[in-house]
């Protein structure tokens, strides 16, 4: 059975988000360079946009969206730990690895595989000694600038 898929673009101040909705769940958020926003037609698409706007207005906003069940058991454990990091705070890959009884590299790989960044705030995971580390499997460029923006947004800046 084919699940209906809806795609739209949400514009934030420093980037855009490509949003993929499958049926009645949010399946994916992708960081995109700035571009024209496109509206969604479904009630869930409108709710995703409403919650993203609320988060832009207040970085402490708590998302409440139906998410597609995906990822390995290990990835879901990492994502649960990430989701528990309060806004404005960070944890290192090593700190999460210690909690999960694994290595920092494995945590980093799971962070990079996160299908719904911002909702599951993987930008709150940084490298040791306050370094940013990577973001979405990238060590620099546009996505690292997005991570900087996300962290600054949560610090009120």
N, C-alpha and C. Protein backbone atom coordinates (compact mmCIF):
# COMPACT_ATOMS: atom_id res chain seq x y z
N UNK A 1 0.84 -1.18 0.00
CA UNK A 1 0.00 0.00 0.00
C UNK A 1 0.88 1.25 0.00
N UNK A 2 0.62 2.15 -0.89
CA UNK A 2 1.39 3.38 -1.04
C UNK A 2 0.87 4.43 -0.05
N UNK A 3 1.79 5.03 0.70
CA UNK A 3 1.43 6.08 1.64
C UNK A 3 1.58 7.42 0.94
N UNK A 4 0.58 8.28 1.09
CA UNK A 4 0.64 9.61 0.47
C UNK A 4 1.81 10.39 1.05
N UNK A 5 2.53 11.07 0.18
CA UNK A 5 3.68 11.85 0.61
C UNK A 5 3.48 13.30 0.19
N UNK A 6 3.79 14.19 1.10
CA UNK A 6 3.67 15.62 0.85
C UNK A 6 5.02 16.26 1.14
N UNK A 7 5.47 17.13 0.25
CA UNK A 7 6.75 17.82 0.43
C UNK A 7 6.51 19.32 0.40
N UNK A 8 7.18 20.04 1.29
CA UNK A 8 7.08 21.47 1.33
C UNK A 8 8.38 22.06 1.82
N UNK A 9 8.53 23.38 1.71
CA UNK A 9 9.74 24.07 2.14
C UNK A 9 9.35 25.15 3.13
N UNK A 10 10.05 25.17 4.26
CA UNK A 10 9.86 26.18 5.31
C UNK A 10 11.10 27.06 5.36
N UNK A 11 10.90 28.38 5.34
CA UNK A 11 12.02 29.31 5.37
C UNK A 11 12.28 29.79 6.79
N UNK A 12 13.51 29.60 7.25
CA UNK A 12 13.98 30.12 8.54
C UNK A 12 14.97 31.25 8.21
N UNK A 13 15.42 31.99 9.21
CA UNK A 13 16.31 33.13 8.91
C UNK A 13 17.61 32.80 8.20
N UNK A 14 18.22 31.65 8.46
CA UNK A 14 19.54 31.36 7.89
C UNK A 14 19.55 30.15 6.97
N UNK A 15 18.41 29.52 6.78
CA UNK A 15 18.33 28.29 6.01
C UNK A 15 16.87 28.00 5.71
N UNK A 16 16.63 26.97 4.95
CA UNK A 16 15.28 26.46 4.75
C UNK A 16 15.25 25.00 5.20
N UNK A 17 14.07 24.52 5.46
CA UNK A 17 13.88 23.12 5.78
C UNK A 17 13.00 22.49 4.72
N UNK A 18 13.50 21.41 4.14
CA UNK A 18 12.66 20.58 3.29
C UNK A 18 11.91 19.63 4.20
N UNK A 19 10.61 19.62 4.11
CA UNK A 19 9.77 18.83 5.00
C UNK A 19 9.09 17.74 4.19
N UNK A 20 9.16 16.51 4.70
CA UNK A 20 8.49 15.39 4.05
C UNK A 20 7.51 14.78 5.05
N UNK A 21 6.25 14.75 4.65
CA UNK A 21 5.21 14.13 5.45
C UNK A 21 4.74 12.90 4.71
N UNK A 22 4.67 11.80 5.43
CA UNK A 22 4.18 10.55 4.85
C UNK A 22 2.93 10.14 5.61
N UNK A 23 1.80 10.21 4.93
CA UNK A 23 0.54 9.89 5.60
C UNK A 23 0.28 10.86 6.72
N UNK A 24 0.24 10.36 7.94
CA UNK A 24 -0.07 11.17 9.12
C UNK A 24 1.14 11.38 10.02
N UNK A 25 2.37 11.26 9.47
CA UNK A 25 3.57 11.43 10.29
C UNK A 25 4.60 12.30 9.57
N UNK A 26 5.40 13.00 10.37
CA UNK A 26 6.55 13.73 9.85
C UNK A 26 7.66 12.71 9.63
N UNK A 27 8.13 12.60 8.39
CA UNK A 27 9.13 11.59 8.06
C UNK A 27 10.53 12.16 7.99
N UNK A 28 10.68 13.43 7.54
CA UNK A 28 12.03 13.93 7.30
C UNK A 28 12.06 15.45 7.29
N UNK A 29 13.15 15.98 7.82
CA UNK A 29 13.49 17.39 7.70
C UNK A 29 14.90 17.45 7.13
N UNK A 30 15.08 18.21 6.07
CA UNK A 30 16.39 18.38 5.45
C UNK A 30 16.75 19.86 5.44
N UNK A 31 17.99 20.19 5.82
CA UNK A 31 18.45 21.57 5.73
C UNK A 31 18.76 21.91 4.29
N UNK A 32 18.23 23.05 3.85
CA UNK A 32 18.42 23.51 2.48
C UNK A 32 18.92 24.94 2.50
N UNK A 33 19.63 25.36 1.46
CA UNK A 33 20.00 26.77 1.36
C UNK A 33 18.73 27.61 1.25
N UNK A 34 18.82 28.90 1.57
CA UNK A 34 17.63 29.76 1.46
C UNK A 34 17.00 29.67 0.06
N UNK A 35 15.69 29.59 0.05
CA UNK A 35 14.91 29.51 -1.19
C UNK A 35 13.47 29.88 -0.91
N UNK A 36 12.64 29.82 -1.92
CA UNK A 36 11.24 30.19 -1.78
C UNK A 36 10.51 29.15 -0.94
N UNK A 37 9.69 29.65 -0.02
CA UNK A 37 8.89 28.77 0.83
C UNK A 37 7.72 28.22 0.03
N UNK A 38 7.31 27.00 0.34
CA UNK A 38 6.11 26.42 -0.28
C UNK A 38 5.21 25.91 0.82
N UNK A 39 3.93 26.13 0.66
CA UNK A 39 2.97 25.76 1.69
C UNK A 39 2.54 24.31 1.55
N UNK A 40 2.11 23.75 2.65
CA UNK A 40 1.56 22.41 2.64
C UNK A 40 0.04 22.47 2.68
N UNK A 41 -0.58 21.44 2.17
CA UNK A 41 -2.04 21.42 2.10
C UNK A 41 -2.69 20.67 3.26
N UNK A 42 -2.01 19.67 3.78
CA UNK A 42 -2.64 18.82 4.80
C UNK A 42 -2.65 19.50 6.17
N UNK A 43 -3.55 19.06 7.04
CA UNK A 43 -3.55 19.59 8.41
C UNK A 43 -2.20 19.37 9.11
N UNK A 44 -1.56 18.21 8.88
CA UNK A 44 -0.26 17.97 9.51
C UNK A 44 0.80 18.93 8.97
N UNK A 45 0.80 19.19 7.68
CA UNK A 45 1.76 20.13 7.11
C UNK A 45 1.59 21.51 7.75
N UNK A 46 0.36 21.95 7.89
CA UNK A 46 0.11 23.25 8.53
C UNK A 46 0.57 23.24 9.99
N UNK A 47 0.38 22.11 10.67
CA UNK A 47 0.80 22.01 12.08
C UNK A 47 2.32 22.01 12.20
N UNK A 48 3.01 21.32 11.31
CA UNK A 48 4.48 21.33 11.32
C UNK A 48 4.97 22.76 11.16
N UNK A 49 4.42 23.49 10.20
CA UNK A 49 4.81 24.89 9.97
C UNK A 49 4.49 25.74 11.20
N UNK A 50 3.31 25.55 11.79
CA UNK A 50 2.94 26.31 12.98
C UNK A 50 3.95 26.08 14.11
N UNK A 51 4.32 24.82 14.32
CA UNK A 51 5.26 24.51 15.40
C UNK A 51 6.66 25.03 15.10
N UNK A 52 7.09 24.96 13.86
CA UNK A 52 8.40 25.53 13.51
C UNK A 52 8.42 27.04 13.74
N UNK A 53 7.34 27.72 13.38
CA UNK A 53 7.26 29.17 13.63
C UNK A 53 7.28 29.46 15.13
N UNK A 54 6.57 28.64 15.90
CA UNK A 54 6.57 28.81 17.36
C UNK A 54 7.98 28.62 17.91
N UNK A 55 8.71 27.65 17.39
CA UNK A 55 10.09 27.41 17.82
C UNK A 55 11.00 28.58 17.44
N UNK A 56 10.79 29.15 16.26
CA UNK A 56 11.58 30.32 15.88
C UNK A 56 11.33 31.49 16.83
N UNK A 57 10.09 31.64 17.25
CA UNK A 57 9.74 32.73 18.17
C UNK A 57 10.25 32.46 19.58
N UNK A 58 10.33 31.19 19.96
CA UNK A 58 10.75 30.81 21.31
C UNK A 58 11.50 29.48 21.24
N UNK A 59 12.81 29.52 21.36
CA UNK A 59 13.64 28.32 21.21
C UNK A 59 13.35 27.26 22.26
N UNK A 60 12.62 27.62 23.32
CA UNK A 60 12.26 26.64 24.34
C UNK A 60 10.96 25.91 24.01
N UNK A 61 10.36 26.24 22.87
CA UNK A 61 9.13 25.59 22.44
C UNK A 61 9.36 24.08 22.33
N UNK A 62 8.42 23.30 22.85
CA UNK A 62 8.53 21.84 22.79
C UNK A 62 7.67 21.31 21.65
N UNK A 63 8.30 20.65 20.70
CA UNK A 63 7.58 20.07 19.57
C UNK A 63 6.72 18.91 20.04
N UNK A 64 5.57 18.78 19.41
CA UNK A 64 4.66 17.66 19.66
C UNK A 64 4.09 17.23 18.32
N UNK A 65 4.89 16.49 17.58
CA UNK A 65 4.52 16.06 16.24
C UNK A 65 4.60 14.54 16.13
N UNK A 66 3.71 13.95 15.36
CA UNK A 66 3.83 12.51 15.13
C UNK A 66 4.99 12.23 14.19
N UNK A 67 5.94 11.43 14.64
CA UNK A 67 7.15 11.14 13.86
C UNK A 67 7.09 9.73 13.30
N UNK A 68 7.64 9.57 12.11
CA UNK A 68 7.73 8.25 11.50
C UNK A 68 8.69 7.39 12.32
N UNK A 69 8.28 6.18 12.63
CA UNK A 69 9.16 5.25 13.34
C UNK A 69 10.22 4.78 12.35
N UNK A 70 11.46 5.09 12.64
CA UNK A 70 12.55 4.71 11.74
C UNK A 70 13.85 4.63 12.51
N UNK A 71 14.86 4.09 11.87
CA UNK A 71 16.17 3.95 12.50
C UNK A 71 16.33 2.61 13.20
N UNK A 72 17.60 2.30 13.48
CA UNK A 72 17.91 1.07 14.21
C UNK A 72 17.58 1.25 15.69
N UNK A 73 17.60 0.18 16.43
CA UNK A 73 17.39 0.28 17.89
C UNK A 73 18.41 1.21 18.52
N UNK A 74 19.68 1.08 18.10
CA UNK A 74 20.73 1.93 18.65
C UNK A 74 20.47 3.40 18.31
N UNK A 75 20.15 3.68 17.04
CA UNK A 75 19.87 5.06 16.66
C UNK A 75 18.72 5.64 17.48
N UNK A 76 17.68 4.87 17.67
CA UNK A 76 16.54 5.37 18.46
C UNK A 76 16.95 5.64 19.90
N UNK A 77 17.85 4.84 20.45
CA UNK A 77 18.34 5.10 21.82
C UNK A 77 19.13 6.41 21.86
N UNK A 78 19.98 6.64 20.86
CA UNK A 78 20.74 7.89 20.80
C UNK A 78 19.78 9.06 20.64
N UNK A 79 18.81 8.94 19.73
CA UNK A 79 17.88 10.04 19.49
C UNK A 79 17.06 10.36 20.74
N UNK A 80 16.72 9.34 21.53
CA UNK A 80 16.00 9.58 22.78
C UNK A 80 16.86 10.38 23.76
N UNK A 81 18.15 10.07 23.82
CA UNK A 81 19.05 10.84 24.68
C UNK A 81 19.18 12.28 24.19
N UNK A 82 19.25 12.46 22.88
CA UNK A 82 19.35 13.80 22.31
C UNK A 82 18.09 14.60 22.63
N UNK A 83 16.94 13.97 22.45
CA UNK A 83 15.67 14.66 22.70
C UNK A 83 15.54 15.12 24.15
N UNK A 84 16.27 14.49 25.06
CA UNK A 84 16.20 14.84 26.48
C UNK A 84 17.12 16.01 26.85
N UNK A 85 17.96 16.47 25.93
CA UNK A 85 18.85 17.61 26.22
C UNK A 85 18.01 18.88 26.19
N UNK A 86 17.98 19.64 27.28
CA UNK A 86 17.15 20.85 27.31
C UNK A 86 17.65 21.92 26.34
N UNK A 87 16.73 22.76 25.85
CA UNK A 87 17.13 23.87 24.97
C UNK A 87 18.19 24.74 25.65
N UNK A 88 19.15 25.18 24.86
CA UNK A 88 20.20 26.04 25.39
C UNK A 88 21.34 25.29 26.04
N UNK A 89 21.23 23.96 26.15
CA UNK A 89 22.29 23.15 26.72
C UNK A 89 22.88 22.23 25.65
N UNK A 90 24.06 21.74 25.91
CA UNK A 90 24.71 20.81 24.99
C UNK A 90 25.25 19.62 25.78
N UNK A 91 25.53 18.56 25.07
CA UNK A 91 26.23 17.40 25.59
C UNK A 91 27.29 17.04 24.55
N UNK A 92 28.35 16.41 24.99
CA UNK A 92 29.35 15.97 24.03
C UNK A 92 29.02 14.56 23.54
N UNK A 93 29.61 14.24 22.40
CA UNK A 93 29.46 12.88 21.88
C UNK A 93 29.94 11.88 22.94
N UNK A 94 31.03 12.23 23.62
CA UNK A 94 31.57 11.34 24.65
C UNK A 94 30.63 11.16 25.83
N UNK A 95 29.98 12.24 26.26
CA UNK A 95 29.03 12.13 27.38
C UNK A 95 27.87 11.21 27.02
N UNK A 96 27.33 11.37 25.81
CA UNK A 96 26.24 10.48 25.39
C UNK A 96 26.74 9.05 25.24
N UNK A 97 27.95 8.89 24.72
CA UNK A 97 28.52 7.55 24.56
C UNK A 97 28.64 6.84 25.91
N UNK A 98 29.05 7.59 26.92
CA UNK A 98 29.18 7.00 28.25
C UNK A 98 27.82 6.52 28.78
N UNK A 99 26.79 7.34 28.61
CA UNK A 99 25.44 6.97 29.06
C UNK A 99 24.95 5.74 28.32
N UNK A 100 25.27 5.66 27.02
CA UNK A 100 24.78 4.57 26.18
C UNK A 100 25.73 3.37 26.11
N UNK A 101 26.85 3.46 26.82
CA UNK A 101 27.83 2.38 26.84
C UNK A 101 28.32 2.02 25.43
N UNK A 102 28.76 3.05 24.72
CA UNK A 102 29.25 2.88 23.36
C UNK A 102 30.36 3.90 23.11
N UNK A 103 30.78 4.05 21.88
CA UNK A 103 31.83 5.00 21.55
C UNK A 103 31.28 6.30 20.98
N UNK A 104 32.03 7.39 21.13
CA UNK A 104 31.60 8.68 20.60
C UNK A 104 31.35 8.68 19.09
N UNK A 105 32.16 7.93 18.35
CA UNK A 105 31.98 7.87 16.89
C UNK A 105 30.62 7.27 16.54
N UNK A 106 30.21 6.24 17.27
CA UNK A 106 28.89 5.63 17.02
C UNK A 106 27.77 6.62 17.31
N UNK A 107 27.93 7.41 18.36
CA UNK A 107 26.95 8.44 18.69
C UNK A 107 26.90 9.47 17.56
N UNK A 108 28.07 9.87 17.07
CA UNK A 108 28.13 10.83 15.97
C UNK A 108 27.45 10.31 14.71
N UNK A 109 27.64 9.03 14.41
CA UNK A 109 27.00 8.44 13.24
C UNK A 109 25.47 8.44 13.40
N UNK A 110 25.00 8.13 14.60
CA UNK A 110 23.56 8.15 14.85
C UNK A 110 23.01 9.57 14.78
N UNK A 111 23.78 10.53 15.29
CA UNK A 111 23.35 11.94 15.19
C UNK A 111 23.19 12.33 13.72
N UNK A 112 24.16 11.98 12.91
CA UNK A 112 24.13 12.32 11.50
C UNK A 112 23.00 11.66 10.74
N UNK A 113 22.50 10.54 11.25
CA UNK A 113 21.41 9.82 10.60
C UNK A 113 20.03 10.28 11.08
N UNK A 114 19.99 11.23 11.99
CA UNK A 114 18.73 11.73 12.53
C UNK A 114 17.86 12.28 11.40
N UNK A 115 16.67 11.71 11.17
CA UNK A 115 15.85 12.16 10.04
C UNK A 115 15.07 13.45 10.32
N UNK A 116 14.96 13.85 11.58
CA UNK A 116 14.15 15.03 11.91
C UNK A 116 14.91 16.00 12.83
N UNK A 117 16.03 16.56 12.33
CA UNK A 117 16.76 17.52 13.15
C UNK A 117 15.86 18.70 13.52
N UNK A 118 16.20 19.37 14.55
CA UNK A 118 15.45 20.43 15.22
C UNK A 118 14.39 19.79 16.11
N UNK A 119 13.53 18.94 15.57
CA UNK A 119 12.54 18.25 16.41
C UNK A 119 13.27 17.32 17.36
N UNK A 120 14.23 16.55 16.85
CA UNK A 120 15.18 15.79 17.67
C UNK A 120 16.48 16.58 17.52
N UNK A 121 16.81 17.41 18.51
CA UNK A 121 17.82 18.47 18.36
C UNK A 121 19.27 18.01 18.40
N UNK A 122 19.70 17.32 17.35
CA UNK A 122 21.06 16.80 17.30
C UNK A 122 22.12 17.91 17.27
N UNK A 123 21.71 19.14 16.98
CA UNK A 123 22.67 20.25 17.02
C UNK A 123 23.18 20.49 18.44
N UNK A 124 22.49 19.97 19.44
CA UNK A 124 22.91 20.14 20.84
C UNK A 124 24.04 19.19 21.24
N UNK A 125 24.47 18.34 20.32
CA UNK A 125 25.58 17.42 20.58
C UNK A 125 26.83 17.99 19.92
N UNK A 126 27.86 18.19 20.74
CA UNK A 126 29.09 18.82 20.26
C UNK A 126 30.29 17.93 20.58
N UNK A 127 31.42 18.31 20.04
CA UNK A 127 32.66 17.58 20.29
C UNK A 127 33.24 17.99 21.64
N UNK A 128 34.29 17.32 22.03
CA UNK A 128 34.96 17.62 23.31
C UNK A 128 35.53 19.03 23.30
N UNK A 129 35.70 19.58 24.48
CA UNK A 129 36.33 20.88 24.69
C UNK A 129 35.59 22.02 24.00
N UNK A 130 34.26 21.89 23.87
CA UNK A 130 33.45 22.96 23.32
C UNK A 130 33.50 23.12 21.82
N UNK A 131 34.21 22.23 21.12
CA UNK A 131 34.25 22.32 19.65
C UNK A 131 32.90 21.85 19.10
N UNK A 132 32.53 22.40 17.95
CA UNK A 132 31.22 22.07 17.38
C UNK A 132 31.12 20.62 16.91
N UNK A 133 32.19 20.07 16.42
CA UNK A 133 32.11 18.74 15.81
C UNK A 133 31.47 18.88 14.45
N UNK A 134 30.80 17.85 14.00
CA UNK A 134 30.15 17.88 12.70
C UNK A 134 28.66 18.12 12.83
N UNK A 135 27.99 18.05 11.69
CA UNK A 135 26.54 18.20 11.68
C UNK A 135 26.00 17.54 10.43
N UNK A 136 25.10 16.59 10.63
CA UNK A 136 24.47 15.87 9.51
C UNK A 136 25.51 15.24 8.59
N UNK A 137 26.53 14.64 9.19
CA UNK A 137 27.63 13.98 8.47
C UNK A 137 28.52 14.95 7.70
N UNK A 138 28.52 16.23 8.07
CA UNK A 138 29.39 17.23 7.45
C UNK A 138 30.26 17.89 8.51
N UNK A 139 31.50 18.12 8.18
CA UNK A 139 32.42 18.73 9.13
C UNK A 139 32.62 20.21 8.91
N UNK A 140 31.96 20.79 7.93
CA UNK A 140 32.13 22.21 7.67
C UNK A 140 31.10 22.70 6.68
N UNK A 141 31.30 23.92 6.21
CA UNK A 141 30.43 24.48 5.20
C UNK A 141 29.07 24.90 5.73
N UNK A 142 28.09 24.89 4.82
CA UNK A 142 26.74 25.37 5.09
C UNK A 142 26.13 24.72 6.34
N UNK A 143 26.22 23.39 6.44
CA UNK A 143 25.56 22.71 7.57
C UNK A 143 26.19 23.06 8.92
N UNK A 144 27.49 23.26 8.95
CA UNK A 144 28.12 23.67 10.21
C UNK A 144 27.68 25.09 10.58
N UNK A 145 27.49 25.94 9.59
CA UNK A 145 26.95 27.28 9.85
C UNK A 145 25.53 27.20 10.39
N UNK A 146 24.74 26.27 9.88
CA UNK A 146 23.39 26.05 10.40
C UNK A 146 23.46 25.64 11.86
N UNK A 147 24.38 24.73 12.20
CA UNK A 147 24.52 24.28 13.60
C UNK A 147 24.88 25.47 14.49
N UNK A 148 25.79 26.32 14.04
CA UNK A 148 26.14 27.53 14.81
C UNK A 148 24.90 28.40 15.03
N UNK A 149 24.12 28.59 13.97
CA UNK A 149 22.91 29.41 14.07
C UNK A 149 21.93 28.80 15.07
N UNK A 150 21.72 27.48 14.98
CA UNK A 150 20.77 26.80 15.88
C UNK A 150 21.19 26.96 17.33
N UNK A 151 22.48 26.77 17.62
CA UNK A 151 22.96 26.91 18.99
C UNK A 151 22.82 28.35 19.47
N UNK A 152 23.13 29.32 18.61
CA UNK A 152 22.98 30.74 18.97
C UNK A 152 21.52 31.08 19.20
N UNK A 153 20.64 30.56 18.38
CA UNK A 153 19.19 30.78 18.54
C UNK A 153 18.72 30.32 19.92
N UNK A 154 19.21 29.16 20.34
CA UNK A 154 18.80 28.64 21.64
C UNK A 154 19.42 29.39 22.80
N UNK A 155 20.50 30.13 22.54
CA UNK A 155 21.12 30.95 23.58
C UNK A 155 20.51 32.35 23.59
N UNK A 156 19.52 32.58 22.71
CA UNK A 156 18.87 33.89 22.67
C UNK A 156 19.57 34.89 21.79
N UNK A 157 20.48 34.39 20.91
CA UNK A 157 21.24 35.32 20.09
C UNK A 157 21.10 35.17 18.66
